[in-house]
Each structure stands twice: as C-alpha cells, then as structure tokens.
Amino acid sequence: MKVLYSILSNKTITVPVIAWFIAQFLKVINVIVVERKLDFTRFVGSGGMPSSHSSFIVSLATVVGKMKGLGSVEFGISAAVAAIVMYDAAGVRRAAGKQAKVLNKLIFSQKEEDRQNFDENLKELIGHSPFEVFIGAMLGMLMGLCFA
C-alpha cells in the first residue's frame, strides 16, 4: 500500500496523467462539436485536437521546473524531451499520417481483386498540426502550474 501511495503522491506521475486524460477527453468533445458525432475511440486514439502527447510531456517539464528549478539538470532533460516529442508529433508523425491517407486512396482506387491483400486501411490520424501541438502544450503548462 505504501508503494501505491508513493506513486499516487508523485506529482511527476499524477499531473502528466491528468493532463493526458483531459486532453483525450477534449478530443471526444471536439469531435462532438465539429463533426456532430460521438466517437469514444478518440479517447484512446492518437492525433487530433489537442495533442495529448504535448499535454503530458509539457506538464511533466512544468512540474519538474517548479519542483527542481528552471536551472536544474532535471528540468533541462524534461524540456529537451518535450521539444523532441512535440517536434515528432507535428513533424514525423504528421507526415506519416499524410502518407497513409494517400496510400489508402491509392489502394481504394484499385480493383477489388487487387485489394484483397489489404484487410484494413492504414491509420491516417497519427500526427498533429502545429496548432494542435501548441494547444496541447498550453494545456500541459496550465496543468503543471495549477497542480504542482
């Protein structure tokens, strides 16, 4: 029980998890508002508004900065990891999603017998626009400032 209490009282764990949860919940709400449909798969899926990866990692960096100081090695490491995660979300993963969209169109345009080896579409919504990453980062910073 002491181990569980130690984990649950560790703000570098709990605050990022809460930030991730809120970001994922906001994705479901965003789909309801924009697309007028209820899609609970958005709660566990990647991509979309806001970036939960950015929320998670920026809240972690913010908590570490508040606890250890902005001049600490720990904050430097967490800030560097945050930059990498956000760059990846808006760069590499977004490009992969765009490529998947093109490949799905290409596969779908083929004759039925030529498509038999493709049992499902490639996942298209895996990255983020820079704006989605920014909003996720702002959410993470807010969560870190409020709860750390």
N, C-alpha and C. Protein backbone atom coordinates (compact mmCIF):
# COMPACT_ATOMS: atom_id res chain seq x y z
N MET A 1 0.81 -1.19 0.00
CA MET A 1 0.00 0.00 0.00
C MET A 1 0.86 1.26 0.00
N LYS A 2 2.01 1.16 0.67
CA LYS A 2 2.92 2.31 0.73
C LYS A 2 3.47 2.65 -0.65
N VAL A 3 3.72 1.63 -1.45
CA VAL A 3 4.23 1.85 -2.81
C VAL A 3 3.18 2.58 -3.65
N LEU A 4 1.94 2.13 -3.57
CA LEU A 4 0.86 2.77 -4.32
C LEU A 4 0.69 4.23 -3.89
N TYR A 5 0.75 4.48 -2.58
CA TYR A 5 0.64 5.85 -2.08
C TYR A 5 1.80 6.71 -2.60
N SER A 6 3.00 6.14 -2.60
CA SER A 6 4.17 6.88 -3.11
C SER A 6 3.99 7.26 -4.57
N ILE A 7 3.48 6.33 -5.36
CA ILE A 7 3.26 6.60 -6.79
C ILE A 7 2.18 7.66 -6.98
N LEU A 8 1.06 7.49 -6.28
CA LEU A 8 -0.06 8.42 -6.44
C LEU A 8 0.22 9.81 -5.87
N SER A 9 1.18 9.93 -4.98
CA SER A 9 1.53 11.24 -4.43
C SER A 9 2.67 11.89 -5.20
N ASN A 10 3.19 11.21 -6.20
CA ASN A 10 4.28 11.74 -7.01
C ASN A 10 3.70 12.62 -8.12
N LYS A 11 3.89 13.91 -7.99
CA LYS A 11 3.30 14.86 -8.95
C LYS A 11 3.88 14.71 -10.36
N THR A 12 5.10 14.18 -10.47
CA THR A 12 5.68 13.98 -11.80
C THR A 12 5.01 12.81 -12.53
N ILE A 13 4.22 12.04 -11.81
CA ILE A 13 3.42 10.97 -12.43
C ILE A 13 1.97 11.41 -12.57
N THR A 14 1.38 11.88 -11.49
CA THR A 14 -0.06 12.16 -11.49
C THR A 14 -0.45 13.34 -12.37
N VAL A 15 0.30 14.42 -12.32
CA VAL A 15 -0.08 15.60 -13.11
C VAL A 15 -0.03 15.31 -14.61
N PRO A 16 1.03 14.69 -15.14
CA PRO A 16 1.00 14.36 -16.57
C PRO A 16 -0.13 13.40 -16.96
N VAL A 17 -0.44 12.44 -16.09
CA VAL A 17 -1.54 11.52 -16.40
C VAL A 17 -2.87 12.27 -16.44
N ILE A 18 -3.08 13.19 -15.52
CA ILE A 18 -4.29 14.01 -15.52
C ILE A 18 -4.34 14.88 -16.77
N ALA A 19 -3.20 15.47 -17.14
CA ALA A 19 -3.14 16.31 -18.35
C ALA A 19 -3.46 15.48 -19.59
N TRP A 20 -2.91 14.26 -19.67
CA TRP A 20 -3.22 13.37 -20.79
C TRP A 20 -4.71 13.06 -20.83
N PHE A 21 -5.28 12.71 -19.68
CA PHE A 21 -6.69 12.36 -19.59
C PHE A 21 -7.57 13.52 -20.07
N ILE A 22 -7.29 14.72 -19.60
CA ILE A 22 -8.08 15.88 -20.00
C ILE A 22 -7.95 16.14 -21.50
N ALA A 23 -6.74 16.02 -22.04
CA ALA A 23 -6.53 16.23 -23.48
C ALA A 23 -7.33 15.20 -24.29
N GLN A 24 -7.29 13.95 -23.87
CA GLN A 24 -8.04 12.90 -24.58
C GLN A 24 -9.54 13.15 -24.47
N PHE A 25 -10.01 13.58 -23.32
CA PHE A 25 -11.43 13.90 -23.14
C PHE A 25 -11.82 15.06 -24.06
N LEU A 26 -10.95 16.05 -24.17
CA LEU A 26 -11.24 17.20 -25.05
C LEU A 26 -11.31 16.79 -26.52
N LYS A 27 -10.58 15.74 -26.90
CA LYS A 27 -10.67 15.24 -28.27
C LYS A 27 -12.07 14.71 -28.56
N VAL A 28 -12.64 13.98 -27.60
CA VAL A 28 -14.00 13.46 -27.76
C VAL A 28 -14.98 14.63 -27.89
N ILE A 29 -14.84 15.63 -27.03
CA ILE A 29 -15.71 16.81 -27.07
C ILE A 29 -15.55 17.54 -28.39
N ASN A 30 -14.32 17.68 -28.86
CA ASN A 30 -14.05 18.36 -30.14
C ASN A 30 -14.76 17.66 -31.30
N VAL A 31 -14.74 16.34 -31.32
CA VAL A 31 -15.41 15.58 -32.38
C VAL A 31 -16.92 15.78 -32.29
N ILE A 32 -17.45 15.82 -31.08
CA ILE A 32 -18.89 16.06 -30.91
C ILE A 32 -19.26 17.42 -31.48
N VAL A 33 -18.48 18.44 -31.18
CA VAL A 33 -18.78 19.82 -31.62
C VAL A 33 -18.56 19.99 -33.12
N VAL A 34 -17.43 19.52 -33.62
CA VAL A 34 -17.06 19.76 -35.02
C VAL A 34 -17.78 18.82 -35.99
N GLU A 35 -17.78 17.53 -35.67
CA GLU A 35 -18.33 16.54 -36.60
C GLU A 35 -19.74 16.09 -36.23
N ARG A 36 -20.24 16.54 -35.11
CA ARG A 36 -21.59 16.20 -34.64
C ARG A 36 -21.80 14.69 -34.53
N LYS A 37 -20.79 14.00 -33.97
CA LYS A 37 -20.92 12.57 -33.73
C LYS A 37 -20.17 12.21 -32.46
N LEU A 38 -20.61 11.13 -31.82
CA LEU A 38 -19.97 10.65 -30.61
C LEU A 38 -19.00 9.54 -30.99
N ASP A 39 -17.72 9.76 -30.74
CA ASP A 39 -16.69 8.81 -31.13
C ASP A 39 -15.74 8.59 -29.95
N PHE A 40 -16.04 7.56 -29.15
CA PHE A 40 -15.22 7.29 -27.98
C PHE A 40 -13.84 6.74 -28.34
N THR A 41 -13.62 6.33 -29.58
CA THR A 41 -12.29 5.87 -29.97
C THR A 41 -11.29 7.02 -29.92
N ARG A 42 -11.77 8.24 -30.00
CA ARG A 42 -10.88 9.41 -29.90
C ARG A 42 -10.27 9.52 -28.52
N PHE A 43 -10.91 8.86 -27.53
CA PHE A 43 -10.37 8.93 -26.17
C PHE A 43 -9.05 8.18 -26.05
N VAL A 44 -8.85 7.17 -26.85
CA VAL A 44 -7.60 6.41 -26.78
C VAL A 44 -6.74 6.56 -28.02
N GLY A 45 -7.25 7.24 -29.04
CA GLY A 45 -6.51 7.37 -30.29
C GLY A 45 -5.50 8.50 -30.27
N SER A 46 -4.55 8.41 -31.18
CA SER A 46 -3.57 9.48 -31.32
C SER A 46 -4.05 10.47 -32.38
N GLY A 47 -3.41 11.61 -32.43
CA GLY A 47 -3.79 12.66 -33.37
C GLY A 47 -5.00 13.42 -32.87
N GLY A 48 -5.26 14.55 -33.49
CA GLY A 48 -6.43 15.35 -33.14
C GLY A 48 -6.11 16.47 -32.17
N MET A 49 -7.17 17.20 -31.83
CA MET A 49 -7.05 18.41 -31.02
C MET A 49 -7.51 18.16 -29.60
N PRO A 50 -6.73 18.48 -28.60
CA PRO A 50 -5.33 18.92 -28.58
C PRO A 50 -4.39 17.71 -28.52
N SER A 51 -3.12 17.97 -28.68
CA SER A 51 -2.13 16.90 -28.60
C SER A 51 -1.96 16.45 -27.16
N SER A 52 -2.34 15.21 -26.89
CA SER A 52 -2.18 14.69 -25.52
C SER A 52 -0.72 14.38 -25.22
N HIS A 53 0.06 14.05 -26.25
CA HIS A 53 1.49 13.85 -26.04
C HIS A 53 2.12 15.15 -25.53
N SER A 54 1.76 16.27 -26.17
CA SER A 54 2.29 17.56 -25.75
C SER A 54 1.81 17.92 -24.35
N SER A 55 0.54 17.67 -24.08
CA SER A 55 0.00 17.96 -22.74
C SER A 55 0.75 17.17 -21.68
N PHE A 56 0.96 15.90 -21.94
CA PHE A 56 1.64 15.03 -20.99
C PHE A 56 3.06 15.51 -20.71
N ILE A 57 3.84 15.70 -21.77
CA ILE A 57 5.27 15.97 -21.59
C ILE A 57 5.52 17.40 -21.12
N VAL A 58 4.71 18.35 -21.55
CA VAL A 58 4.90 19.73 -21.08
C VAL A 58 4.46 19.86 -19.62
N SER A 59 3.42 19.14 -19.23
CA SER A 59 3.04 19.17 -17.81
C SER A 59 4.16 18.57 -16.96
N LEU A 60 4.79 17.51 -17.45
CA LEU A 60 5.92 16.92 -16.73
C LEU A 60 7.06 17.93 -16.60
N ALA A 61 7.41 18.58 -17.69
CA ALA A 61 8.50 19.57 -17.65
C ALA A 61 8.15 20.72 -16.70
N THR A 62 6.89 21.14 -16.71
CA THR A 62 6.46 22.23 -15.84
C THR A 62 6.54 21.82 -14.37
N VAL A 63 6.08 20.62 -14.05
CA VAL A 63 6.16 20.13 -12.68
C VAL A 63 7.62 20.04 -12.23
N VAL A 64 8.46 19.48 -13.08
CA VAL A 64 9.88 19.36 -12.75
C VAL A 64 10.50 20.74 -12.56
N GLY A 65 10.15 21.69 -13.43
CA GLY A 65 10.66 23.05 -13.31
C GLY A 65 10.24 23.71 -12.01
N LYS A 66 9.00 23.48 -11.60
CA LYS A 66 8.53 24.05 -10.34
C LYS A 66 9.19 23.38 -9.13
N MET A 67 9.41 22.07 -9.22
CA MET A 67 9.96 21.34 -8.08
C MET A 67 11.47 21.49 -7.95
N LYS A 68 12.17 21.42 -9.06
CA LYS A 68 13.63 21.38 -9.03
C LYS A 68 14.28 22.70 -9.45
N GLY A 69 13.49 23.57 -10.08
CA GLY A 69 14.04 24.85 -10.54
C GLY A 69 14.34 24.80 -12.03
N LEU A 70 14.20 25.98 -12.65
CA LEU A 70 14.41 26.05 -14.10
C LEU A 70 15.87 25.87 -14.50
N GLY A 71 16.78 26.02 -13.55
CA GLY A 71 18.20 25.83 -13.83
C GLY A 71 18.70 24.43 -13.54
N SER A 72 17.81 23.53 -13.17
CA SER A 72 18.23 22.17 -12.80
C SER A 72 18.46 21.29 -14.02
N VAL A 73 19.28 20.28 -13.80
CA VAL A 73 19.53 19.29 -14.85
C VAL A 73 18.23 18.56 -15.19
N GLU A 74 17.43 18.25 -14.16
CA GLU A 74 16.18 17.53 -14.38
C GLU A 74 15.23 18.32 -15.28
N PHE A 75 15.14 19.62 -15.06
CA PHE A 75 14.29 20.43 -15.93
C PHE A 75 14.85 20.48 -17.34
N GLY A 76 16.16 20.61 -17.47
CA GLY A 76 16.78 20.62 -18.80
C GLY A 76 16.48 19.36 -19.58
N ILE A 77 16.58 18.22 -18.91
CA ILE A 77 16.29 16.94 -19.56
C ILE A 77 14.83 16.87 -19.96
N SER A 78 13.92 17.22 -19.05
CA SER A 78 12.49 17.13 -19.37
C SER A 78 12.09 18.13 -20.45
N ALA A 79 12.71 19.30 -20.48
CA ALA A 79 12.42 20.28 -21.53
C ALA A 79 12.93 19.78 -22.89
N ALA A 80 14.09 19.15 -22.90
CA ALA A 80 14.63 18.61 -24.15
C ALA A 80 13.75 17.48 -24.67
N VAL A 81 13.31 16.59 -23.79
CA VAL A 81 12.41 15.51 -24.21
C VAL A 81 11.09 16.08 -24.72
N ALA A 82 10.58 17.13 -24.06
CA ALA A 82 9.34 17.77 -24.51
C ALA A 82 9.50 18.32 -25.92
N ALA A 83 10.61 18.96 -26.20
CA ALA A 83 10.85 19.51 -27.54
C ALA A 83 10.87 18.40 -28.59
N ILE A 84 11.51 17.29 -28.27
CA ILE A 84 11.58 16.16 -29.21
C ILE A 84 10.19 15.58 -29.45
N VAL A 85 9.42 15.37 -28.38
CA VAL A 85 8.07 14.80 -28.51
C VAL A 85 7.19 15.70 -29.36
N MET A 86 7.24 17.01 -29.11
CA MET A 86 6.38 17.93 -29.86
C MET A 86 6.82 18.05 -31.32
N TYR A 87 8.12 18.04 -31.56
CA TYR A 87 8.61 18.06 -32.94
C TYR A 87 8.16 16.81 -33.69
N ASP A 88 8.26 15.68 -33.02
CA ASP A 88 7.84 14.41 -33.63
C ASP A 88 6.35 14.41 -33.94
N ALA A 89 5.54 14.92 -33.01
CA ALA A 89 4.08 14.92 -33.21
C ALA A 89 3.68 15.78 -34.40
N ALA A 90 4.31 16.94 -34.54
CA ALA A 90 3.93 17.87 -35.62
C ALA A 90 4.72 17.62 -36.89
N GLY A 91 5.78 16.85 -36.82
CA GLY A 91 6.61 16.63 -38.00
C GLY A 91 6.48 15.23 -38.54
N VAL A 92 7.22 14.32 -37.93
CA VAL A 92 7.34 12.95 -38.44
C VAL A 92 5.99 12.23 -38.44
N ARG A 93 5.28 12.24 -37.31
CA ARG A 93 4.01 11.51 -37.25
C ARG A 93 2.95 12.15 -38.14
N ARG A 94 2.97 13.47 -38.27
CA ARG A 94 2.01 14.13 -39.16
C ARG A 94 2.28 13.74 -40.61
N ALA A 95 3.55 13.72 -40.99
CA ALA A 95 3.91 13.31 -42.35
C ALA A 95 3.50 11.87 -42.62
N ALA A 96 3.69 11.00 -41.63
CA ALA A 96 3.29 9.60 -41.79
C ALA A 96 1.78 9.49 -41.99
N GLY A 97 1.01 10.30 -41.29
CA GLY A 97 -0.44 10.31 -41.45
C GLY A 97 -0.86 10.77 -42.83
N LYS A 98 -0.18 11.78 -43.35
CA LYS A 98 -0.49 12.27 -44.71
C LYS A 98 -0.16 11.19 -45.74
N GLN A 99 0.95 10.49 -45.55
CA GLN A 99 1.32 9.42 -46.48
C GLN A 99 0.30 8.29 -46.42
N ALA A 100 -0.18 7.96 -45.22
CA ALA A 100 -1.18 6.90 -45.07
C ALA A 100 -2.47 7.28 -45.81
N LYS A 101 -2.84 8.55 -45.76
CA LYS A 101 -4.05 9.00 -46.46
C LYS A 101 -3.91 8.81 -47.97
N VAL A 102 -2.77 9.16 -48.50
CA VAL A 102 -2.52 8.99 -49.94
C VAL A 102 -2.51 7.51 -50.31
N LEU A 103 -1.84 6.69 -49.50
CA LEU A 103 -1.78 5.26 -49.79
C LEU A 103 -3.17 4.61 -49.71
N ASN A 104 -3.98 5.03 -48.74
CA ASN A 104 -5.35 4.49 -48.65
C ASN A 104 -6.15 4.83 -49.90
N LYS A 105 -6.01 6.05 -50.41
CA LYS A 105 -6.72 6.43 -51.64
C LYS A 105 -6.23 5.60 -52.82
N LEU A 106 -4.93 5.39 -52.87
CA LEU A 106 -4.34 4.60 -53.95
C LEU A 106 -4.84 3.15 -53.90
N ILE A 107 -4.84 2.57 -52.72
CA ILE A 107 -5.30 1.19 -52.56
C ILE A 107 -6.79 1.08 -52.89
N PHE A 108 -7.59 2.05 -52.41
CA PHE A 108 -9.03 2.01 -52.63
C PHE A 108 -9.37 2.17 -54.11
N SER A 109 -8.51 2.85 -54.86
CA SER A 109 -8.79 3.06 -56.29
C SER A 109 -8.51 1.81 -57.13
N GLN A 110 -7.92 0.80 -56.54
CA GLN A 110 -7.61 -0.43 -57.26
C GLN A 110 -8.86 -1.31 -57.39
N LYS A 111 -8.79 -2.26 -58.31
CA LYS A 111 -9.88 -3.22 -58.46
C LYS A 111 -9.99 -4.08 -57.20
N GLU A 112 -11.17 -4.60 -56.98
CA GLU A 112 -11.45 -5.40 -55.77
C GLU A 112 -10.45 -6.55 -55.61
N GLU A 113 -10.15 -7.27 -56.67
CA GLU A 113 -9.24 -8.41 -56.55
C GLU A 113 -7.81 -7.97 -56.25
N ASP A 114 -7.46 -6.74 -56.64
CA ASP A 114 -6.12 -6.23 -56.34
C ASP A 114 -6.02 -5.74 -54.89
N ARG A 115 -7.16 -5.51 -54.25
CA ARG A 115 -7.18 -5.02 -52.86
C ARG A 115 -7.29 -6.15 -51.85
N GLN A 116 -7.36 -7.38 -52.26
CA GLN A 116 -7.63 -8.48 -51.34
C GLN A 116 -6.54 -8.66 -50.28
N ASN A 117 -5.32 -8.23 -50.54
CA ASN A 117 -4.25 -8.36 -49.55
C ASN A 117 -4.27 -7.26 -48.50
N PHE A 118 -5.14 -6.28 -48.67
CA PHE A 118 -5.23 -5.16 -47.74
C PHE A 118 -6.54 -5.28 -46.97
N ASP A 119 -6.45 -5.84 -45.76
CA ASP A 119 -7.67 -6.09 -45.00
C ASP A 119 -8.16 -4.87 -44.21
N GLU A 120 -7.33 -3.84 -44.07
CA GLU A 120 -7.77 -2.64 -43.38
C GLU A 120 -6.98 -1.43 -43.88
N ASN A 121 -7.58 -0.26 -43.70
CA ASN A 121 -6.90 0.97 -44.09
C ASN A 121 -5.75 1.28 -43.14
N LEU A 122 -4.76 1.98 -43.67
CA LEU A 122 -3.69 2.47 -42.82
C LEU A 122 -4.24 3.59 -41.93
N LYS A 123 -3.72 3.72 -40.73
CA LYS A 123 -4.17 4.74 -39.79
C LYS A 123 -3.68 6.11 -40.26
N GLU A 124 -4.63 7.02 -40.48
CA GLU A 124 -4.30 8.33 -41.02
C GLU A 124 -4.11 9.40 -39.95
N LEU A 125 -4.83 9.30 -38.87
CA LEU A 125 -4.80 10.34 -37.85
C LEU A 125 -3.81 9.95 -36.75
N ILE A 126 -2.51 10.19 -37.02
CA ILE A 126 -1.50 9.83 -36.04
C ILE A 126 -0.64 11.01 -35.61
N GLY A 127 -0.69 12.10 -36.34
CA GLY A 127 0.12 13.26 -36.00
C GLY A 127 -0.75 14.46 -35.68
N HIS A 128 -0.11 15.61 -35.55
CA HIS A 128 -0.81 16.83 -35.16
C HIS A 128 -0.36 18.00 -36.01
N SER A 129 -1.25 18.97 -36.15
CA SER A 129 -0.85 20.24 -36.74
C SER A 129 -0.06 20.99 -35.67
N PRO A 130 0.75 21.96 -36.07
CA PRO A 130 1.47 22.75 -35.08
C PRO A 130 0.53 23.42 -34.06
N PHE A 131 -0.66 23.82 -34.51
CA PHE A 131 -1.63 24.45 -33.60
C PHE A 131 -2.12 23.45 -32.55
N GLU A 132 -2.38 22.21 -32.95
CA GLU A 132 -2.82 21.18 -32.00
C GLU A 132 -1.72 20.90 -30.97
N VAL A 133 -0.46 20.90 -31.42
CA VAL A 133 0.67 20.71 -30.51
C VAL A 133 0.77 21.89 -29.54
N PHE A 134 0.60 23.10 -30.07
CA PHE A 134 0.67 24.30 -29.23
C PHE A 134 -0.42 24.29 -28.17
N ILE A 135 -1.66 23.98 -28.56
CA ILE A 135 -2.76 23.95 -27.59
C ILE A 135 -2.52 22.85 -26.55
N GLY A 136 -2.03 21.70 -26.97
CA GLY A 136 -1.69 20.65 -26.02
C GLY A 136 -0.61 21.09 -25.05
N ALA A 137 0.39 21.79 -25.56
CA ALA A 137 1.47 22.29 -24.69
C ALA A 137 0.94 23.31 -23.69
N MET A 138 0.05 24.18 -24.14
CA MET A 138 -0.54 25.18 -23.24
C MET A 138 -1.37 24.50 -22.15
N LEU A 139 -2.13 23.47 -22.53
CA LEU A 139 -2.91 22.71 -21.56
C LEU A 139 -1.97 22.06 -20.54
N GLY A 140 -0.89 21.46 -21.02
CA GLY A 140 0.09 20.83 -20.13
C GLY A 140 0.73 21.82 -19.18
N MET A 141 1.09 22.99 -19.70
CA MET A 141 1.70 24.00 -18.85
C MET A 141 0.71 24.48 -17.78
N LEU A 142 -0.53 24.69 -18.19
CA LEU A 142 -1.57 25.10 -17.24
C LEU A 142 -1.76 24.05 -16.14
N MET A 143 -1.82 22.78 -16.54
CA MET A 143 -1.99 21.71 -15.56
C MET A 143 -0.79 21.66 -14.61
N GLY A 144 0.40 21.79 -15.14
CA GLY A 144 1.59 21.76 -14.30
C GLY A 144 1.66 22.93 -13.33
N LEU A 145 1.27 24.11 -13.80
CA LEU A 145 1.28 25.28 -12.93
C LEU A 145 0.21 25.21 -11.86
N CYS A 146 -0.94 24.67 -12.19
CA CYS A 146 -2.05 24.61 -11.25
C CYS A 146 -1.92 23.50 -10.21
N PHE A 147 -1.36 22.36 -10.59
CA PHE A 147 -1.40 21.20 -9.71
C PHE A 147 -0.06 20.79 -9.11
N ALA A 148 1.02 21.44 -9.49
CA ALA A 148 2.32 21.05 -8.93
C ALA A 148 2.64 21.84 -7.68
